[in-house]
Amino acid sequence: MEGSWSRAVQGLTELRGFLSLNRKEESSPKAAAAAEAANAETLLPAEREFQHAAKTNNLDTMERLFRKHVNINAVNNLNRTALHFAVAGNHISSVDFLLHHKARVDIADKHGLTAIHLAAWSGNLDIMLLLIKAGANQKAKNQEGMNVLHFAAQNNNIRIVDYFIQDLHLMDLNKPDEKGRKPFLLAAGMGHVEMINELIFLNLFTSEKDNQGNTALHLAAKNGHSEVVEILLQQWEEVDEFNQNEETPFFLAVEGGHEKCAELLLEAGSNINTSNKDNISALHLSTENGHTAMVTFLISKNIHLDPKPEQRYSALHLAIIKNNLAVVNNLIYSNHDINALNQRRQTPLHVAADLGNVEVTETLLKAECDLNIVDQQGKTALAVTSRSNHALIVDMIIKAEKYFKWKQEYLRSGGNLPDEILSFKQDHRIETKQIRSSLWNLSYNLLKMQEWKKIAQFWQFTDDQIKAIEEQWTGEKSYKEHGHRMFLIWLHGVLMAGQNPVKHLYEDLRRGGFQQLAEKIRAENNAGVEAKKCAIM
């Protein structure tokens, strides 16, 4: 369906371009030179001048060249005649001149467009009457099987439709084109409210489908024409008909991000939980296309949030892949399963960690997702991200593991959580600058190669956590960076517990057998305190 409709739009664009070029000269000297060079391949200079005169409604030039026996039916490289240009430009005097001098009315250009098609598109009934009087083929079709009724309906020219149906009674013009689209479907796809109402009045309404299985309701919904959708729903019996891709009008409205159309269809009884032949739901589709407002709308209408067994991933997985934090937050807030598994048995955290997405990882961790779930390869999210060399994510997950373990034990003991803002990202606060500076100095200037691991084990870092930190190896002195990261993870836990980090660090280093390091830390911090006192004095 998408390919068929895009080709139709391309055809319309080309037609509009043809018409616009007849209302004004090419917009640039380069374009004009290109057009002139192309026409020079087929037209004599006089013929080229004659066509230009018809395009600009210059009757004096047309008369002068006609007296010199110019071929008024000469065709350019696109097989267009002077009559094509005169009709497309709505130049009734030039059209009358050409027809009076026996111009051929049914020459088709390379797309099968004749002058009568252009008149139907332009909506000029006076020119249409001249062409009919001159014997134009009223049932002529272009290469796509479109006749005057198709063109008039597509461009909302009601007078032309009324003329052919009410005056000439040519009901047999109401036929499908090569794509199976009757005029009613074309008008619906373009969103022409007046034309839709007129065609219904003329008994040209149809619920038939085109070659792609789309009804007028499908096309109006897909293109966001809510007023047309509202009119059609008054005539429609089955609002959830499928096209060839098993897409309903509602599904197509969601695909385009057309909330008003989607709402009208839901009110008419459309199934919000519909899926297409690829098992893609409306929620997946709006997430895939980045339509945040549509996701919010669907959630407000109680769409099913969790994936069906046959779907490869959840909407939350997809929002993370698309890095749409607004949708991620919306889904989590609406109680989407934050531990849903995709076809590789990965949780959303696995996906976010593997992608190195700090913001999404932070959101999932704060929502207290399960950190222990393993994927089909037996890897936790921590193992996945350590393998991907996302050091920041590794540290965030370890912080979360240690924090939630402490929190569980602390609450079990009856304690009240300290009033700290929960975050697992890097700490850049001014109030922690001094202790962070001390930890950096400890790590890079005082710590020996294997000492950071011994301290980590004393602080009950697990083997998996130590391995995850160690995975990011940058050279023989990587242990300095590993130690620094370990200290910052420890600092996070101490601060979240509401404890004094300097006092805690000194006491822990002494208990862990690192008396010299403990004394250096105390001396460094005492020196800092004295310096502050001197500055105050």
Protein backbone atom coordinates (compact mmCIF):
# COMPACT_ATOMS: atom_id res chain seq x y z
CA MET A 1 0.00 0.00 0.00
CA GLU A 2 2.79 2.42 0.90
CA GLY A 3 4.50 2.01 -2.46
CA SER A 4 1.28 2.43 -4.41
CA TRP A 5 0.26 5.58 -2.58
CA SER A 6 3.75 7.10 -2.79
CA ARG A 7 3.71 6.58 -6.56
CA ALA A 8 0.36 8.33 -6.72
CA VAL A 9 1.73 11.26 -4.74
CA GLN A 10 4.75 11.37 -7.04
CA GLY A 11 2.41 11.53 -10.04
CA LEU A 12 0.47 14.38 -8.46
CA THR A 13 3.67 16.24 -7.73
CA GLU A 14 4.73 15.93 -11.34
CA LEU A 15 1.34 17.11 -12.55
CA ARG A 16 1.40 20.09 -10.20
CA GLY A 17 4.90 20.89 -11.41
CA PHE A 18 3.70 20.80 -15.01
CA LEU A 19 0.81 23.12 -14.23
CA SER A 20 2.93 25.56 -12.24
CA LEU A 21 5.44 25.88 -15.05
CA ASN A 22 2.63 27.11 -17.26
CA ARG A 23 1.69 29.93 -14.89
CA LYS A 24 5.22 31.35 -14.71
CA GLU A 25 8.57 30.94 -16.37
CA GLU A 26 11.11 28.51 -14.99
CA SER A 27 12.37 29.85 -11.68
CA SER A 28 16.03 30.12 -12.71
CA PRO A 29 18.07 30.74 -15.88
CA LYS A 30 19.62 27.31 -15.44
CA ALA A 31 16.21 25.60 -15.37
CA ALA A 32 15.01 27.64 -18.34
CA ALA A 33 18.14 26.73 -20.30
CA ALA A 34 17.67 23.06 -19.49
CA ALA A 35 14.03 23.12 -20.62
CA GLU A 36 14.95 24.96 -23.79
CA ALA A 37 17.73 22.50 -24.58
CA ALA A 38 15.36 19.54 -24.05
CA ASN A 39 12.70 21.04 -26.32
CA ALA A 40 15.30 21.85 -28.96
CA GLU A 41 15.66 18.15 -29.55
CA THR A 42 12.14 17.93 -31.01
CA LEU A 43 10.88 21.46 -31.76
CA LEU A 44 11.81 23.95 -34.44
CA PRO A 45 12.55 27.48 -33.19
CA ALA A 46 9.16 28.77 -34.35
CA GLU A 47 7.35 25.85 -32.75
CA ARG A 48 9.19 26.40 -29.50
CA GLU A 49 8.24 30.10 -29.60
CA PHE A 50 4.63 29.18 -30.32
CA GLN A 51 4.43 26.86 -27.30
CA HIS A 52 5.92 29.55 -25.11
CA ALA A 53 3.33 32.01 -26.38
CA ALA A 54 0.53 29.57 -25.51
CA LYS A 55 2.05 29.10 -22.07
CA THR A 56 2.11 32.88 -21.46
CA ASN A 57 -1.19 33.63 -23.25
CA ASN A 58 0.52 35.81 -25.88
CA LEU A 59 -2.13 35.85 -28.62
CA ASP A 60 -0.27 38.31 -30.85
CA THR A 61 2.74 35.99 -31.12
CA MET A 62 0.50 32.97 -31.66
CA GLU A 63 -1.34 34.81 -34.49
CA ARG A 64 1.90 35.95 -36.11
CA LEU A 65 3.44 32.46 -36.05
CA PHE A 66 0.22 30.84 -37.24
CA ARG A 67 0.23 33.11 -40.33
CA LYS A 68 3.75 31.77 -40.99
CA HIS A 69 2.25 28.26 -41.03
CA VAL A 70 3.81 27.05 -37.76
CA ASN A 71 2.76 23.54 -36.77
CA ILE A 72 0.37 24.27 -33.89
CA ASN A 73 0.26 20.55 -33.03
CA ALA A 74 4.02 20.16 -32.70
CA VAL A 75 5.05 18.16 -29.64
CA ASN A 76 8.04 18.74 -27.38
CA ASN A 77 10.25 16.04 -25.88
CA LEU A 78 7.46 15.18 -23.39
CA ASN A 79 4.92 14.94 -26.23
CA ARG A 80 3.13 18.08 -25.08
CA THR A 81 1.51 20.52 -27.45
CA ALA A 82 0.65 24.19 -27.21
CA LEU A 83 -2.87 23.15 -26.20
CA HIS A 84 -1.51 21.30 -23.16
CA PHE A 85 0.23 24.47 -21.99
CA ALA A 86 -2.71 26.76 -22.68
CA VAL A 87 -5.16 24.53 -20.81
CA ALA A 88 -2.79 23.98 -17.90
CA GLY A 89 -2.34 27.75 -17.60
CA ASN A 90 -6.11 28.38 -17.62
CA HIS A 91 -5.65 30.67 -20.64
CA ILE A 92 -9.13 30.46 -22.16
CA SER A 93 -8.36 32.90 -24.98
CA SER A 94 -5.33 30.86 -26.07
CA VAL A 95 -7.36 27.64 -25.82
CA ASP A 96 -10.13 29.21 -27.95
CA PHE A 97 -7.56 30.36 -30.52
CA LEU A 98 -6.02 26.91 -30.79
CA LEU A 99 -9.34 25.11 -31.06
CA HIS A 100 -10.61 27.64 -33.60
CA HIS A 101 -7.54 26.84 -35.71
CA LYS A 102 -8.17 23.10 -35.52
CA ALA A 103 -5.64 22.11 -32.84
CA ARG A 104 -5.85 18.40 -32.09
CA VAL A 105 -7.60 17.97 -28.75
CA ASP A 106 -6.69 14.37 -27.86
CA ILE A 107 -2.90 14.28 -28.14
CA ALA A 108 -1.57 12.55 -25.00
CA ASP A 109 1.77 13.45 -23.42
CA LYS A 110 4.26 10.83 -22.21
CA HIS A 111 2.07 10.15 -19.16
CA GLY A 112 -1.11 9.80 -21.19
CA LEU A 113 -2.39 13.25 -20.14
CA THR A 114 -4.64 14.96 -22.64
CA ALA A 115 -5.97 18.50 -22.54
CA ILE A 116 -9.27 17.33 -21.06
CA HIS A 117 -7.45 15.79 -18.09
CA LEU A 118 -5.68 19.09 -17.42
CA ALA A 119 -8.95 20.98 -17.57
CA ALA A 120 -10.49 18.56 -15.08
CA TRP A 121 -7.53 19.00 -12.75
CA SER A 122 -7.55 22.79 -13.07
CA GLY A 123 -11.30 22.92 -12.58
CA ASN A 124 -11.95 25.38 -15.39
CA LEU A 125 -15.44 24.47 -16.62
CA ASP A 126 -15.38 27.05 -19.43
CA ILE A 127 -12.25 25.48 -20.94
CA MET A 128 -13.77 22.04 -20.41
CA LEU A 129 -16.87 23.07 -22.39
CA LEU A 130 -14.67 24.35 -25.23
CA LEU A 131 -12.78 21.05 -25.34
CA ILE A 132 -15.98 18.98 -25.30
CA LYS A 133 -17.47 21.11 -28.07
CA ALA A 134 -14.28 20.56 -30.10
CA GLY A 135 -14.76 16.80 -29.79
CA ALA A 136 -12.43 15.89 -26.94
CA ASN A 137 -12.71 12.28 -25.82
CA GLN A 138 -14.68 12.54 -22.60
CA LYS A 139 -13.62 9.05 -21.47
CA ALA A 140 -9.90 9.37 -22.18
CA LYS A 141 -7.56 7.74 -19.66
CA ASN A 142 -3.97 8.41 -18.79
CA GLN A 143 -1.39 5.68 -18.30
CA GLU A 144 -2.67 5.00 -14.79
CA GLY A 145 -6.23 4.56 -15.99
CA MET A 146 -7.42 7.91 -14.62
CA ASN A 147 -10.17 9.81 -16.42
CA VAL A 148 -11.62 13.30 -15.97
CA LEU A 149 -13.68 12.22 -12.97
CA HIS A 150 -10.57 10.93 -11.19
CA PHE A 151 -8.68 14.16 -11.79
CA ALA A 152 -11.57 16.38 -10.76
CA ALA A 153 -12.22 14.38 -7.58
CA GLN A 154 -8.55 14.34 -6.70
CA ASN A 155 -8.28 18.13 -6.95
CA ASN A 156 -11.66 18.95 -5.40
CA ASN A 157 -13.23 20.41 -8.55
CA ILE A 158 -16.93 19.92 -7.81
CA ARG A 159 -18.24 21.82 -10.87
CA ILE A 160 -16.41 19.44 -13.18
CA VAL A 161 -17.81 16.38 -11.40
CA ASP A 162 -21.32 17.80 -11.46
CA TYR A 163 -21.04 18.55 -15.17
CA PHE A 164 -20.05 15.02 -16.15
CA ILE A 165 -22.45 13.26 -13.77
CA GLN A 166 -25.51 15.53 -13.59
CA ASP A 167 -25.39 17.19 -17.03
CA LEU A 168 -23.81 14.51 -19.23
CA HIS A 169 -24.93 11.52 -17.08
CA LEU A 170 -21.61 9.74 -17.69
CA MET A 171 -21.90 7.44 -14.70
CA ASP A 172 -19.59 4.94 -16.37
CA LEU A 173 -16.71 7.33 -15.62
CA ASN A 174 -17.01 6.13 -12.04
CA LYS A 175 -14.58 3.25 -12.57
CA PRO A 176 -11.42 2.15 -10.78
CA ASP A 177 -8.10 3.32 -12.18
CA GLU A 178 -5.17 0.95 -12.68
CA LYS A 179 -4.59 0.90 -8.92
CA GLY A 180 -8.21 0.03 -8.25
CA ARG A 181 -9.15 3.47 -6.96
CA LYS A 182 -12.46 5.02 -7.83
CA PRO A 183 -12.80 8.83 -7.66
CA PHE A 184 -14.31 8.52 -4.18
CA LEU A 185 -11.13 6.88 -2.85
CA LEU A 186 -8.95 9.56 -4.43
CA ALA A 187 -10.99 12.35 -2.86
CA ALA A 188 -10.85 10.63 0.55
CA GLY A 189 -7.11 10.17 0.32
CA MET A 190 -6.67 13.89 -0.43
CA GLY A 191 -9.03 14.95 2.36
CA HIS A 192 -11.52 16.88 0.21
CA VAL A 193 -14.55 17.28 2.47
CA GLU A 194 -16.69 19.13 -0.12
CA MET A 195 -15.95 16.55 -2.79
CA ILE A 196 -16.72 13.65 -0.46
CA ASN A 197 -20.07 15.17 0.42
CA GLU A 198 -20.86 15.82 -3.24
CA LEU A 199 -19.94 12.29 -4.32
CA ILE A 200 -22.14 10.87 -1.57
CA PHE A 201 -24.98 13.11 -2.80
CA LEU A 202 -24.42 11.83 -6.35
CA ASN A 203 -24.57 8.22 -5.12
CA LEU A 204 -20.88 7.70 -5.92
CA PHE A 205 -20.00 6.63 -2.39
CA THR A 206 -18.18 3.30 -2.27
CA SER A 207 -16.76 1.06 0.41
CA GLU A 208 -14.85 -0.94 -2.20
CA LYS A 209 -11.13 -1.53 -1.82
CA ASP A 210 -8.27 -0.65 -4.12
CA ASN A 211 -5.67 -3.14 -5.31
CA GLN A 212 -3.86 -2.91 -1.97
CA GLY A 213 -7.04 -3.63 -0.02
CA ASN A 214 -7.50 -0.05 1.15
CA THR A 215 -10.92 1.52 1.46
CA ALA A 216 -11.63 5.24 1.42
CA LEU A 217 -11.60 5.06 5.22
CA HIS A 218 -8.10 3.56 5.17
CA LEU A 219 -6.78 6.33 2.92
CA ALA A 220 -8.42 9.18 4.83
CA ALA A 221 -7.16 7.83 8.17
CA LYS A 222 -3.65 7.23 6.86
CA ASN A 223 -3.34 10.81 5.66
CA GLY A 224 -4.85 12.35 8.79
CA HIS A 225 -8.03 13.74 7.24
CA SER A 226 -10.19 13.69 10.36
CA GLU A 227 -13.13 15.60 8.85
CA VAL A 228 -13.39 13.07 6.04
CA VAL A 229 -13.03 10.19 8.51
CA GLU A 230 -15.90 11.64 10.51
CA ILE A 231 -18.11 11.82 7.41
CA LEU A 232 -17.18 8.32 6.27
CA LEU A 233 -17.92 6.78 9.65
CA GLN A 234 -21.54 7.86 9.23
CA GLN A 235 -21.68 5.62 6.15
CA TRP A 236 -19.46 2.77 7.32
CA GLU A 237 -20.51 -0.61 8.68
CA GLU A 238 -17.23 -2.41 9.41
CA VAL A 239 -14.59 -0.02 10.75
CA ASP A 240 -11.90 -2.67 11.24
CA GLU A 241 -11.54 -4.01 7.70
CA PHE A 242 -8.04 -5.20 6.84
CA ASN A 243 -5.99 -4.22 3.84
CA GLN A 244 -3.44 -6.60 2.31
CA ASN A 245 -1.03 -5.95 5.17
CA GLU A 246 -3.79 -6.71 7.69
CA GLU A 247 -3.86 -3.05 8.68
CA THR A 248 -7.07 -1.41 9.82
CA PRO A 249 -7.89 2.29 9.27
CA PHE A 250 -7.10 2.82 12.97
CA PHE A 251 -3.69 1.18 12.54
CA LEU A 252 -2.89 3.50 9.61
CA ALA A 253 -4.01 6.55 11.60
CA VAL A 254 -1.60 5.56 14.37
CA GLU A 255 1.16 4.97 11.83
CA GLY A 256 0.85 8.55 10.64
CA GLY A 257 0.59 9.96 14.17
CA HIS A 258 -2.93 11.26 13.50
CA GLU A 259 -4.45 11.34 16.97
CA LYS A 260 -7.80 12.88 16.00
CA CYS A 261 -8.42 10.20 13.35
CA ALA A 262 -7.42 7.48 15.79
CA GLU A 263 -9.78 8.85 18.43
CA LEU A 264 -12.71 8.99 15.99
CA LEU A 265 -12.10 5.40 14.93
CA LEU A 266 -11.85 4.18 18.52
CA GLU A 267 -15.12 5.90 19.33
CA ALA A 268 -16.63 4.09 16.34
CA GLY A 269 -15.53 0.75 17.77
CA SER A 270 -12.07 0.10 16.31
CA ASN A 271 -9.91 -2.42 18.14
CA ILE A 272 -7.05 -0.55 19.81
CA ASN A 273 -5.05 -3.77 20.25
CA THR A 274 -4.98 -4.67 16.57
CA SER A 275 -1.74 -5.88 14.97
CA ASN A 276 -0.70 -6.16 11.34
CA LYS A 277 0.51 -9.28 9.53
CA ASP A 278 3.99 -8.80 11.04
CA ASN A 279 2.51 -8.82 14.57
CA ILE A 280 3.35 -5.15 15.04
CA SER A 281 0.88 -3.45 17.37
CA ALA A 282 -0.28 0.16 17.27
CA LEU A 283 1.81 0.85 20.38
CA HIS A 284 4.91 -0.62 18.76
CA LEU A 285 4.25 1.38 15.61
CA SER A 286 3.86 4.75 17.32
CA THR A 287 6.99 4.04 19.38
CA GLU A 288 8.92 3.04 16.27
CA ASN A 289 7.90 6.25 14.50
CA GLY A 290 8.73 8.47 17.48
CA HIS A 291 5.15 9.70 17.92
CA THR A 292 5.39 10.46 21.64
CA ALA A 293 1.99 12.16 21.79
CA MET A 294 0.38 9.14 20.11
CA VAL A 295 1.99 6.79 22.65
CA THR A 296 0.54 8.93 25.43
CA PHE A 297 -2.87 8.85 23.74
CA LEU A 298 -2.83 5.06 23.30
CA ILE A 299 -1.84 4.52 26.92
CA SER A 300 -4.66 6.82 28.04
CA LYS A 301 -7.03 4.59 26.07
CA ASN A 302 -5.78 1.48 27.93
CA ILE A 303 -3.93 -0.22 25.11
CA HIS A 304 -2.23 -3.47 26.13
CA LEU A 305 1.29 -2.56 27.24
CA ASP A 306 2.96 -5.94 27.46
CA PRO A 307 3.94 -7.83 24.32
CA LYS A 308 2.14 -10.87 23.00
CA PRO A 309 4.10 -14.15 22.87
CA GLU A 310 4.49 -13.91 19.10
CA GLN A 311 6.02 -10.42 19.26
CA ARG A 312 9.80 -10.16 19.26
CA TYR A 313 10.09 -7.36 21.80
CA SER A 314 8.05 -5.04 23.97
CA ALA A 315 7.29 -1.39 23.30
CA LEU A 316 9.72 -0.54 26.10
CA HIS A 317 12.54 -2.39 24.34
CA LEU A 318 11.73 -0.48 21.17
CA ALA A 319 11.60 2.91 22.92
CA ILE A 320 15.05 2.21 24.36
CA ILE A 321 16.44 1.24 20.96
CA LYS A 322 14.99 4.47 19.56
CA ASN A 323 16.45 6.42 22.53
CA ASN A 324 13.07 8.03 23.19
CA LEU A 325 13.33 8.82 26.90
CA ALA A 326 9.90 10.48 26.99
CA VAL A 327 8.25 7.27 25.80
CA VAL A 328 10.39 5.17 28.15
CA ASN A 329 9.24 7.26 31.10
CA ASN A 330 5.64 7.17 29.95
CA LEU A 331 5.64 3.39 29.62
CA ILE A 332 7.29 2.85 32.99
CA TYR A 333 4.93 5.32 34.68
CA SER A 334 2.02 3.39 33.14
CA ASN A 335 3.24 0.12 34.69
CA HIS A 336 4.74 -1.46 31.59
CA ASP A 337 6.64 -4.58 32.66
CA ILE A 338 10.16 -3.21 33.15
CA ASN A 339 11.53 -6.77 33.16
CA ALA A 340 9.83 -7.89 29.92
CA LEU A 341 11.95 -10.22 27.79
CA ASN A 342 12.58 -9.91 24.06
CA GLN A 343 13.23 -12.83 21.71
CA ARG A 344 16.82 -13.06 23.04
CA ARG A 345 15.53 -13.08 26.61
CA GLN A 346 16.99 -9.64 27.21
CA THR A 347 15.35 -7.25 29.62
CA PRO A 348 15.07 -3.55 28.79
CA LEU A 349 18.10 -3.03 31.05
CA HIS A 350 20.13 -5.48 28.97
CA VAL A 351 19.33 -3.45 25.85
CA ALA A 352 19.98 -0.05 27.44
CA ALA A 353 23.24 -1.25 28.99
CA ASP A 354 24.45 -2.80 25.75
CA LEU A 355 23.73 0.47 23.93
CA GLY A 356 25.53 2.49 26.61
CA ASN A 357 22.50 4.70 27.17
CA VAL A 358 23.15 6.45 30.49
CA GLU A 359 19.82 8.27 30.80
CA VAL A 360 17.66 5.25 30.05
CA THR A 361 19.78 3.05 32.31
CA GLU A 362 19.35 5.58 35.11
CA THR A 363 15.58 5.55 34.58
CA LEU A 364 15.38 1.75 34.68
CA LEU A 365 17.61 1.47 37.74
CA LYS A 366 15.58 4.05 39.64
CA ALA A 367 12.45 2.07 38.73
CA GLU A 368 14.13 -0.88 40.52
CA CYS A 369 14.28 -3.28 37.59
CA ASP A 370 15.54 -6.79 38.25
CA LEU A 371 19.35 -6.79 38.01
CA ASN A 372 19.74 -10.56 38.24
CA ILE A 373 17.87 -11.71 35.11
CA VAL A 374 20.13 -13.43 32.58
CA ASP A 375 19.67 -13.48 28.81
CA GLN A 376 19.78 -16.57 26.60
CA GLN A 377 23.58 -16.57 26.89
CA GLY A 378 23.39 -16.53 30.67
CA LYS A 379 24.58 -12.91 30.93
CA THR A 380 23.25 -10.35 33.37
CA ALA A 381 22.96 -6.73 32.26
CA LEU A 382 26.20 -6.04 34.17
CA ALA A 383 28.04 -8.75 32.25
CA VAL A 384 26.65 -7.48 28.94
CA THR A 385 27.69 -3.88 29.50
CA SER A 386 31.15 -4.78 30.83
CA ARG A 387 31.74 -6.71 27.63
CA SER A 388 30.64 -3.63 25.65
CA ASN A 389 33.17 -1.41 27.47
CA HIS A 390 30.59 1.04 28.79
CA ALA A 391 32.40 1.86 32.04
CA LEU A 392 29.87 4.46 33.19
CA ILE A 393 27.01 1.97 32.84
CA VAL A 394 29.03 -0.73 34.62
CA ASP A 395 29.57 1.56 37.59
CA MET A 396 25.91 2.61 37.64
CA ILE A 397 24.70 -0.98 37.77
CA ILE A 398 27.15 -1.89 40.53
CA LYS A 399 26.03 1.16 42.51
CA ALA A 400 22.42 0.00 42.09
CA GLU A 401 23.23 -3.57 43.11
CA LYS A 402 24.97 -2.45 46.26
CA TYR A 403 22.42 0.24 47.07
CA PHE A 404 19.36 -2.00 46.75
CA LYS A 405 21.04 -4.72 48.80
CA TRP A 406 21.80 -2.18 51.54
CA LYS A 407 18.30 -0.70 51.30
CA GLN A 408 16.65 -4.10 51.73
CA GLU A 409 18.73 -4.90 54.80
CA TYR A 410 18.28 -1.43 56.27
CA LEU A 411 14.51 -1.44 55.92
CA ARG A 412 14.35 -4.94 57.32
CA SER A 413 16.11 -3.68 60.43
CA GLY A 414 13.44 -1.01 60.86
CA GLY A 415 15.48 1.99 59.78
CA ASN A 416 14.18 5.05 57.91
CA LEU A 417 15.84 5.90 54.62
CA PRO A 418 17.95 9.08 54.65
CA ASP A 419 16.59 12.03 52.70
CA GLU A 420 18.90 11.69 49.69
CA ILE A 421 18.00 12.15 46.02
CA LEU A 422 18.51 8.81 44.32
CA SER A 423 20.84 8.82 41.34
CA PHE A 424 23.37 6.35 39.99
CA LYS A 425 25.12 8.67 37.54
CA GLN A 426 28.51 10.28 38.07
CA ASP A 427 28.64 12.69 41.00
CA HIS A 428 29.69 16.20 40.02
CA ARG A 429 28.35 18.04 43.07
CA ILE A 430 30.41 20.81 44.66
CA GLU A 431 29.77 19.47 48.16
CA THR A 432 31.50 16.17 47.37
CA LYS A 433 34.43 17.70 45.49
CA GLN A 434 36.88 17.46 48.41
CA ILE A 435 36.30 13.78 49.13
CA ARG A 436 36.32 12.92 45.43
CA SER A 437 39.65 14.70 45.09
CA SER A 438 41.03 12.67 48.02
CA LEU A 439 39.82 9.43 46.44
CA TRP A 440 41.45 10.37 43.13
CA ASN A 441 44.76 11.05 44.87
CA LEU A 442 44.45 7.80 46.81
CA SER A 443 43.79 5.84 43.63
CA TYR A 444 46.39 7.35 41.32
CA ASN A 445 49.22 8.24 43.72
CA LEU A 446 49.02 5.96 46.75
CA LEU A 447 47.37 2.69 45.72
CA LYS A 448 49.51 -0.29 44.73
CA MET A 449 48.58 -2.70 41.95
CA GLN A 450 46.50 -5.34 43.78
CA GLU A 451 45.37 -3.24 46.73
CA TRP A 452 42.15 -1.98 45.12
CA LYS A 453 40.84 -5.55 44.80
CA LYS A 454 41.58 -6.28 48.46
CA ILE A 455 39.73 -3.13 49.50
CA ALA A 456 36.84 -4.01 47.16
CA GLN A 457 36.59 -7.48 48.71
CA PHE A 458 36.64 -5.94 52.19
CA TRP A 459 33.72 -3.74 51.09
CA GLN A 460 31.93 -6.87 49.85
CA PHE A 461 32.14 -6.19 46.13
CA THR A 462 31.22 -9.48 44.46
CA ASP A 463 33.55 -11.33 42.13
CA ASP A 464 31.26 -10.42 39.21
CA GLN A 465 31.40 -6.74 40.14
CA ILE A 466 35.19 -6.75 40.42
CA LYS A 467 35.44 -8.62 37.11
CA ALA A 468 33.12 -6.10 35.45
CA ILE A 469 35.27 -3.19 36.61
CA GLU A 470 38.45 -4.97 35.55
CA GLU A 471 37.02 -5.71 32.08
CA GLN A 472 37.80 -2.16 30.96
CA TRP A 473 41.55 -2.56 30.59
CA THR A 474 43.59 0.28 29.08
CA GLY A 475 47.14 -0.77 29.92
CA GLU A 476 49.50 -1.75 32.72
CA LYS A 477 48.30 1.11 34.92
CA SER A 478 44.60 0.33 34.49
CA TYR A 479 44.51 -0.64 38.17
CA LYS A 480 44.66 3.06 39.07
CA GLU A 481 41.45 3.75 37.13
CA HIS A 482 39.87 0.55 38.46
CA GLY A 483 40.64 1.63 42.01
CA HIS A 484 39.26 5.10 41.42
CA ARG A 485 35.99 3.71 40.05
CA MET A 486 35.73 1.32 42.99
CA PHE A 487 36.16 4.18 45.46
CA LEU A 488 33.49 6.29 43.72
CA ILE A 489 31.05 3.35 43.81
CA TRP A 490 31.78 2.98 47.52
CA LEU A 491 31.32 6.73 48.03
CA HIS A 492 27.88 6.56 46.42
CA GLY A 493 26.78 3.93 48.91
CA VAL A 494 28.12 5.82 51.90
CA LEU A 495 26.43 9.05 50.86
CA MET A 496 23.12 7.32 50.14
CA ALA A 497 23.31 5.81 53.64
CA GLY A 498 23.76 9.30 55.07
CA GLN A 499 27.20 8.55 56.57
CA ASN A 500 30.37 10.66 56.90
CA PRO A 501 32.60 9.47 54.01
CA VAL A 502 35.95 10.70 55.45
CA LYS A 503 35.39 9.08 58.85
CA HIS A 504 34.01 5.94 57.21
CA LEU A 505 36.96 5.68 54.80
CA TYR A 506 39.55 6.12 57.57
CA GLU A 507 37.96 3.50 59.79
CA ASP A 508 37.45 1.00 56.96
CA LEU A 509 41.02 1.30 55.72
CA ARG A 510 42.32 0.67 59.23
CA ARG A 511 40.04 -2.34 59.71
CA GLY A 512 40.99 -3.66 56.31
CA GLY A 513 44.70 -3.64 57.13
CA PHE A 514 45.66 -0.48 55.24
CA GLN A 515 46.87 1.62 58.18
CA GLN A 516 49.34 3.70 56.15
CA LEU A 517 46.71 4.64 53.61
CA ALA A 518 44.29 5.48 56.41
CA GLU A 519 46.80 7.82 58.05
CA LYS A 520 47.58 9.55 54.76
CA ILE A 521 43.87 10.12 54.18
CA ARG A 522 43.48 11.58 57.69
CA ALA A 523 46.52 13.82 57.25
CA GLU A 524 45.30 15.05 53.87
CA ASN A 525 41.86 15.91 55.19
CA ASN A 526 43.26 17.53 58.37
CA ALA A 527 45.46 19.69 56.15
CA GLY A 528 42.40 20.69 54.18
CA VAL A 529 40.54 21.64 57.36
CA GLU A 530 43.49 23.76 58.61
CA ALA A 531 43.71 25.50 55.25
CA LYS A 532 40.04 26.39 55.46
CA LYS A 533 40.51 27.77 59.01
CA CYS A 534 43.41 29.95 57.88
CA ALA A 535 41.36 31.26 54.96
CA ILE A 536 38.54 32.19 57.33
CA MET A 537 40.90 33.91 59.77
